[in-house]
Amino acid sequence: MICREMNRAKHSSRLRSIAIVALEVLACLTPGLAQPQVYERILSDYQRKDYSSAVALAARAVETDGNNASLRYIYGLSLTELQRFSEAIENLNKAIKLRPGDSNFHQGMAYLLCKQKKYDEAIPVLKRAIELDGENLKARFLLGLAYLSKERSSLIGNFTELALEQLQFVKAKQPTFPQVHLYIGKIHLTNGDVVGALEEFGAELEVDPRNVQAHMEAGEVLIKLNRPNDALVHLREVAVASPMTTGLDYALAKVYRQSGKISEAIASAKRVLENNLRSADAHYLLAQLYQDANKPDLAREHMEAFEKLRVNKPSNGS
């Protein structure tokens, strides 16, 4: 479940928000800029996701102020968003060389590495950022996510426990930190603590009532607890905000079955197969639903399809 949720687009958005906050701090700590309004313009462009403009401005600015660490930092982050990684690394390394004791600069380098899914390399960089500033919550949060990633070359060790340690630290220091309750909840769920997971998803929704992932996770937990009416409240939120969310139709099919709404359940399960005919879970659920609907021929058809697919079973609803 943790792996499924760490899709590229949403992960990039979380990383970007962390970088933006760090840049805002640096903007207040950069009195040495020859033209501070230029830096502010670059920062504004970065925040508005106009990375091409930010890069163009920064490229000109470093020609006359190349030894400004903060300028090199924002230049490197802007290049990162354009996936010009070699140039980004060059500028971030220069920023770190100019100001090696700045925790945010190391965090920025780790941000770049995470964007490239180089989590093995990001982890020691984030540890260094935390050594420099133990209160750098953004670095601790990123380190927690890096530990959870399944894309690391080495998965030996209790990385879930290491991730939880970092995320719990962030939660204790700043309970409203975006996404921290969500990921703690996912860890609880992986460890079999369904009640603890539901509490964390609820806490995340108190911070951000529109968090689609938290609604989805809460809905699936409530299905496990056989609370279909409560689950449906969360799943409807997901359906309105993000109807293409992975696993939504499959979850809705299970909720409707628990509620005795077999026709609605069948319709939802069929939508799963429209997107992925090889979903073994959807075939198995449809076999059960058609059995409930007293349609044994259709139930048999889907059970046979399930038997053929279960050896190479894909994730549900995908």
Protein backbone atom coordinates (compact mmCIF):
# COMPACT_ATOMS: atom_id res chain seq x y z
CA MET A 1 0.00 0.00 0.00
CA ILE A 2 2.85 2.37 0.83
CA CYS A 3 4.50 1.70 -2.49
CA ARG A 4 1.28 2.18 -4.41
CA GLU A 5 0.63 5.57 -2.89
CA MET A 6 4.05 6.96 -3.61
CA ASN A 7 3.23 7.66 -7.24
CA ARG A 8 5.43 10.09 -9.10
CA ALA A 9 3.15 13.11 -9.48
CA LYS A 10 1.98 13.33 -5.87
CA HIS A 11 5.43 12.60 -4.53
CA SER A 12 6.90 15.39 -6.64
CA SER A 13 4.28 17.80 -5.31
CA ARG A 14 5.17 16.98 -1.69
CA LEU A 15 8.88 17.38 -2.37
CA ARG A 16 8.31 20.69 -4.15
CA SER A 17 6.31 22.15 -1.27
CA ILE A 18 9.17 21.26 1.09
CA ALA A 19 11.66 23.03 -1.16
CA ILE A 20 9.47 26.13 -1.45
CA VAL A 21 9.31 26.61 2.31
CA ALA A 22 13.08 26.31 2.54
CA LEU A 23 13.46 28.91 -0.19
CA GLU A 24 11.19 31.34 1.66
CA VAL A 25 13.43 31.05 4.70
CA LEU A 26 16.53 31.65 2.62
CA ALA A 27 14.96 34.73 1.04
CA CYS A 28 14.85 36.30 4.48
CA LEU A 29 18.46 35.38 5.17
CA THR A 30 20.06 36.72 1.99
CA PRO A 31 21.01 40.35 2.63
CA GLY A 32 24.18 39.97 0.58
CA LEU A 33 22.43 39.85 -2.80
CA ALA A 34 23.47 42.75 -5.01
CA GLN A 35 19.96 42.88 -6.40
CA PRO A 36 17.57 41.37 -3.83
CA GLN A 37 14.56 42.11 -6.05
CA VAL A 38 16.00 39.74 -8.64
CA TYR A 39 16.18 36.96 -6.08
CA GLU A 40 12.61 37.65 -5.02
CA ARG A 41 11.51 37.46 -8.66
CA ILE A 42 13.27 34.12 -9.10
CA LEU A 43 11.64 32.82 -5.93
CA SER A 44 8.23 34.06 -7.11
CA ASP A 45 8.68 32.34 -10.47
CA TYR A 46 9.67 29.11 -8.73
CA GLN A 47 6.60 29.21 -6.50
CA ARG A 48 4.37 29.83 -9.51
CA LYS A 49 6.01 26.85 -11.22
CA ASP A 50 7.37 29.09 -13.97
CA TYR A 51 10.67 27.26 -13.84
CA SER A 52 11.89 28.36 -17.25
CA SER A 53 11.64 32.00 -16.22
CA ALA A 54 13.32 31.28 -12.88
CA VAL A 55 16.21 29.52 -14.61
CA ALA A 56 16.65 32.31 -17.16
CA LEU A 57 16.77 34.96 -14.44
CA ALA A 58 19.08 32.91 -12.23
CA ALA A 59 21.44 32.14 -15.11
CA ARG A 60 21.93 35.88 -15.68
CA ALA A 61 22.19 36.64 -11.96
CA VAL A 62 25.00 34.13 -11.31
CA GLU A 63 27.09 35.79 -14.00
CA THR A 64 27.54 38.77 -11.70
CA ASP A 65 26.93 37.10 -8.33
CA GLY A 66 28.23 33.57 -8.84
CA ASN A 67 29.47 33.19 -5.29
CA ASN A 68 26.07 33.80 -3.73
CA ALA A 69 25.15 30.49 -2.10
CA SER A 70 21.42 31.16 -1.86
CA LEU A 71 21.26 32.16 -5.52
CA ARG A 72 23.05 28.96 -6.52
CA TYR A 73 20.57 27.03 -4.37
CA ILE A 74 17.41 28.40 -5.98
CA TYR A 75 19.03 28.06 -9.41
CA GLY A 76 19.73 24.40 -8.70
CA LEU A 77 16.18 23.73 -7.51
CA SER A 78 14.70 25.45 -10.57
CA LEU A 79 16.90 23.36 -12.85
CA THR A 80 15.77 20.27 -10.95
CA GLU A 81 12.14 20.96 -11.82
CA LEU A 82 13.09 21.16 -15.50
CA GLN A 83 14.89 17.81 -15.10
CA ARG A 84 18.21 19.40 -16.05
CA PHE A 85 19.80 17.33 -13.36
CA SER A 86 23.47 17.67 -14.27
CA GLU A 87 23.31 21.46 -14.16
CA ALA A 88 21.20 21.30 -11.00
CA ILE A 89 23.78 19.13 -9.24
CA GLU A 90 26.55 21.53 -10.27
CA ASN A 91 24.77 24.52 -8.77
CA LEU A 92 23.65 22.74 -5.61
CA ASN A 93 27.19 21.49 -5.05
CA LYS A 94 28.46 25.05 -5.42
CA ALA A 95 25.88 26.24 -2.90
CA ILE A 96 27.00 23.58 -0.42
CA LYS A 97 30.68 24.40 -1.00
CA LEU A 98 30.00 28.09 -0.38
CA ARG A 99 27.95 27.42 2.75
CA PRO A 100 28.62 23.82 3.92
CA GLY A 101 26.90 24.28 7.25
CA ASP A 102 23.49 25.13 5.79
CA SER A 103 21.09 22.26 6.44
CA ASN A 104 18.67 23.48 3.76
CA PHE A 105 21.28 23.18 1.04
CA HIS A 106 21.87 19.51 1.84
CA GLN A 107 18.14 19.03 1.94
CA GLY A 108 17.93 20.58 -1.53
CA MET A 109 20.47 18.11 -2.86
CA ALA A 110 18.48 15.26 -1.32
CA TYR A 111 15.35 16.68 -2.94
CA LEU A 112 17.05 16.40 -6.33
CA LEU A 113 18.12 12.82 -5.62
CA CYS A 114 14.59 11.89 -4.55
CA LYS A 115 13.23 13.39 -7.77
CA GLN A 116 15.55 10.98 -9.58
CA LYS A 117 14.43 8.15 -7.28
CA LYS A 118 18.01 7.78 -6.03
CA TYR A 119 16.91 7.12 -2.47
CA ASP A 120 20.08 5.24 -1.51
CA GLU A 121 22.08 8.38 -2.26
CA ALA A 122 19.51 10.72 -0.71
CA ILE A 123 19.49 9.02 2.69
CA PRO A 124 23.05 9.98 3.80
CA VAL A 125 22.55 13.51 2.47
CA LEU A 126 19.40 13.88 4.54
CA LYS A 127 21.18 12.49 7.58
CA ARG A 128 23.82 15.18 7.11
CA ALA A 129 21.10 17.84 6.88
CA ILE A 130 19.68 16.60 10.18
CA GLU A 131 23.12 16.56 11.78
CA LEU A 132 23.46 20.22 10.90
CA ASP A 133 19.97 21.07 12.14
CA GLY A 134 18.10 18.51 14.19
CA GLU A 135 14.97 20.65 13.96
CA ASN A 136 14.87 20.50 10.16
CA LEU A 137 11.48 18.82 9.99
CA LYS A 138 11.37 18.85 6.21
CA ALA A 139 14.59 16.85 6.04
CA ARG A 140 13.28 14.41 8.64
CA PHE A 141 10.04 13.97 6.70
CA LEU A 142 11.92 13.35 3.45
CA LEU A 143 14.16 10.86 5.25
CA GLY A 144 11.07 9.01 6.47
CA LEU A 145 9.72 8.80 2.93
CA ALA A 146 13.09 7.69 1.60
CA TYR A 147 13.20 4.86 4.13
CA LEU A 148 9.74 3.76 3.01
CA SER A 149 10.60 3.69 -0.68
CA LYS A 150 10.74 0.28 -2.31
CA GLU A 151 13.07 1.66 -4.99
CA ARG A 152 16.19 1.46 -2.87
CA SER A 153 18.79 -1.12 -3.86
CA SER A 154 19.00 -2.47 -0.32
CA LEU A 155 15.82 -3.38 1.52
CA ILE A 156 17.60 -5.21 4.33
CA GLY A 157 16.82 -3.80 7.75
CA ASN A 158 13.85 -2.48 9.61
CA PHE A 159 13.37 0.63 7.53
CA THR A 160 9.72 0.89 8.51
CA GLU A 161 10.81 1.42 12.11
CA LEU A 162 13.43 3.97 11.04
CA ALA A 163 10.82 5.82 8.98
CA LEU A 164 8.38 5.83 11.88
CA GLU A 165 11.04 7.29 14.17
CA GLN A 166 11.54 10.26 11.83
CA LEU A 167 7.84 10.82 11.19
CA GLN A 168 6.96 10.60 14.88
CA PHE A 169 9.59 13.27 15.58
CA VAL A 170 8.00 15.54 13.01
CA LYS A 171 4.53 14.86 14.42
CA ALA A 172 5.64 15.66 17.96
CA LYS A 173 7.24 18.93 16.93
CA GLN A 174 4.55 20.03 14.46
CA PRO A 175 1.27 18.04 14.55
CA THR A 176 -0.07 19.96 11.55
CA PHE A 177 2.88 19.09 9.29
CA PRO A 178 1.34 18.14 5.90
CA GLN A 179 1.08 14.39 5.24
CA VAL A 180 2.86 13.27 8.41
CA HIS A 181 -0.25 11.64 9.91
CA LEU A 182 -1.01 10.01 6.57
CA TYR A 183 2.31 8.20 6.39
CA ILE A 184 2.31 7.24 10.04
CA GLY A 185 -1.13 5.76 9.44
CA LYS A 186 0.16 3.77 6.49
CA ILE A 187 2.93 2.34 8.63
CA HIS A 188 0.43 1.36 11.33
CA LEU A 189 -1.69 -0.32 8.67
CA THR A 190 1.29 -2.26 7.34
CA ASN A 191 2.03 -3.37 10.90
CA GLY A 192 -1.55 -4.56 11.36
CA ASP A 193 -2.68 -1.75 13.68
CA VAL A 194 -5.95 -0.92 11.93
CA VAL A 195 -7.34 1.21 14.75
CA GLY A 196 -4.13 3.22 15.05
CA ALA A 197 -4.09 3.73 11.30
CA LEU A 198 -7.66 5.03 11.28
CA GLU A 199 -6.82 7.51 14.04
CA GLU A 200 -3.90 8.89 12.03
CA PHE A 201 -5.94 9.18 8.83
CA GLY A 202 -8.58 11.05 10.80
CA ALA A 203 -5.91 13.36 12.21
CA GLU A 204 -4.63 14.03 8.69
CA LEU A 205 -8.13 14.98 7.57
CA GLU A 206 -8.41 17.41 10.47
CA VAL A 207 -5.33 19.13 9.10
CA ASP A 208 -6.48 18.93 5.48
CA PRO A 209 -10.12 17.86 4.95
CA ARG A 210 -9.53 17.64 1.19
CA ASN A 211 -6.66 15.16 1.35
CA VAL A 212 -7.71 12.53 -1.19
CA GLN A 213 -5.17 9.95 -0.05
CA ALA A 214 -6.31 10.20 3.56
CA HIS A 215 -9.96 9.80 2.55
CA MET A 216 -9.06 6.78 0.42
CA GLU A 217 -7.03 5.14 3.18
CA ALA A 218 -9.73 5.85 5.79
CA GLY A 219 -12.37 4.38 3.51
CA GLU A 220 -10.41 1.17 2.98
CA VAL A 221 -9.76 0.79 6.71
CA LEU A 222 -13.45 1.24 7.47
CA ILE A 223 -14.24 -1.49 4.94
CA LYS A 224 -11.93 -3.80 6.90
CA LEU A 225 -13.86 -2.85 10.04
CA ASN A 226 -17.16 -3.64 8.28
CA ARG A 227 -18.40 -0.05 8.58
CA PRO A 228 -19.68 0.50 5.02
CA ASN A 229 -21.71 3.65 5.70
CA ASP A 230 -18.72 5.43 7.24
CA ALA A 231 -16.45 4.13 4.48
CA LEU A 232 -18.80 5.41 1.79
CA VAL A 233 -18.59 8.94 3.18
CA HIS A 234 -14.84 8.98 2.57
CA LEU A 235 -14.98 7.20 -0.79
CA ARG A 236 -17.54 9.67 -2.10
CA GLU A 237 -15.13 12.47 -1.21
CA VAL A 238 -12.51 10.72 -3.33
CA ALA A 239 -14.98 10.19 -6.18
CA VAL A 240 -15.77 13.90 -6.31
CA ALA A 241 -12.21 15.17 -5.96
CA SER A 242 -10.30 12.53 -7.92
CA PRO A 243 -12.53 9.97 -9.67
CA MET A 244 -9.59 8.24 -11.37
CA THR A 245 -7.89 7.36 -8.07
CA THR A 246 -6.39 3.87 -8.18
CA GLY A 247 -8.51 1.34 -6.31
CA LEU A 248 -11.57 3.60 -5.91
CA ASP A 249 -14.01 1.51 -7.95
CA TYR A 250 -12.80 -1.68 -6.31
CA ALA A 251 -13.30 -0.17 -2.85
CA LEU A 252 -16.76 1.09 -3.81
CA ALA A 253 -17.70 -2.39 -5.01
CA LYS A 254 -16.75 -3.84 -1.62
CA VAL A 255 -18.66 -1.13 0.24
CA TYR A 256 -21.80 -1.67 -1.80
CA ARG A 257 -21.58 -5.40 -1.25
CA GLN A 258 -21.30 -4.89 2.51
CA SER A 259 -24.37 -2.64 2.30
CA GLY A 260 -26.33 -5.24 0.33
CA LYS A 261 -26.41 -3.09 -2.82
CA ILE A 262 -25.39 -5.84 -5.21
CA SER A 263 -26.29 -4.08 -8.47
CA GLU A 264 -24.18 -1.04 -7.54
CA ALA A 265 -21.37 -3.32 -6.44
CA ILE A 266 -21.39 -5.18 -9.76
CA ALA A 267 -21.34 -1.91 -11.70
CA SER A 268 -18.34 -0.67 -9.72
CA ALA A 269 -16.44 -3.95 -10.13
CA LYS A 270 -17.09 -3.88 -13.86
CA ARG A 271 -15.51 -0.44 -14.06
CA VAL A 272 -12.34 -1.94 -12.61
CA LEU A 273 -12.22 -4.45 -15.47
CA GLU A 274 -12.84 -1.69 -18.01
CA ASN A 275 -9.51 -0.23 -16.95
CA ASN A 276 -7.73 -3.52 -16.36
CA LEU A 277 -9.21 -6.73 -17.69
CA ARG A 278 -6.47 -8.70 -15.96
CA SER A 279 -7.37 -7.59 -12.44
CA ALA A 280 -7.59 -10.90 -10.58
CA ASP A 281 -9.15 -9.23 -7.53
CA ALA A 282 -11.95 -7.71 -9.60
CA HIS A 283 -12.73 -11.07 -11.24
CA TYR A 284 -12.84 -12.77 -7.85
CA LEU A 285 -15.11 -10.08 -6.40
CA LEU A 286 -17.43 -10.29 -9.42
CA ALA A 287 -17.61 -14.05 -8.99
CA GLN A 288 -18.80 -13.49 -5.43
CA LEU A 289 -21.22 -10.76 -6.45
CA TYR A 290 -22.81 -12.81 -9.20
CA GLN A 291 -23.15 -15.68 -6.76
CA ASP A 292 -24.94 -13.27 -4.41
CA ALA A 293 -27.16 -12.22 -7.33
CA ASN A 294 -28.00 -15.87 -8.08
CA LYS A 295 -26.26 -15.81 -11.46
CA PRO A 296 -24.08 -18.94 -11.27
CA ASP A 297 -22.97 -18.92 -14.91
CA LEU A 298 -21.48 -15.44 -14.65
CA ALA A 299 -20.03 -16.30 -11.26
CA ARG A 300 -18.31 -19.34 -12.78
CA GLU A 301 -16.98 -17.30 -15.70
CA HIS A 302 -15.26 -14.79 -13.45
CA MET A 303 -13.96 -17.44 -11.07
CA GLU A 304 -12.31 -19.20 -14.00
CA ALA A 305 -10.74 -15.92 -15.08
CA PHE A 306 -9.50 -15.41 -11.53
CA GLU A 307 -7.93 -18.87 -11.42
CA LYS A 308 -6.00 -18.14 -14.61
CA LEU A 309 -4.72 -14.81 -13.34
CA ARG A 310 -3.98 -15.41 -9.69
CA VAL A 311 -0.44 -16.66 -10.25
CA ASN A 312 0.51 -13.23 -11.62
CA LYS A 313 -1.99 -11.25 -9.61
CA PRO A 314 -1.86 -7.45 -10.22
CA SER A 315 -2.80 -4.93 -7.57
CA ASN A 316 -6.54 -4.43 -7.17
CA GLY A 317 -8.21 -1.75 -9.22
CA SER A 318 -5.07 -1.03 -11.24
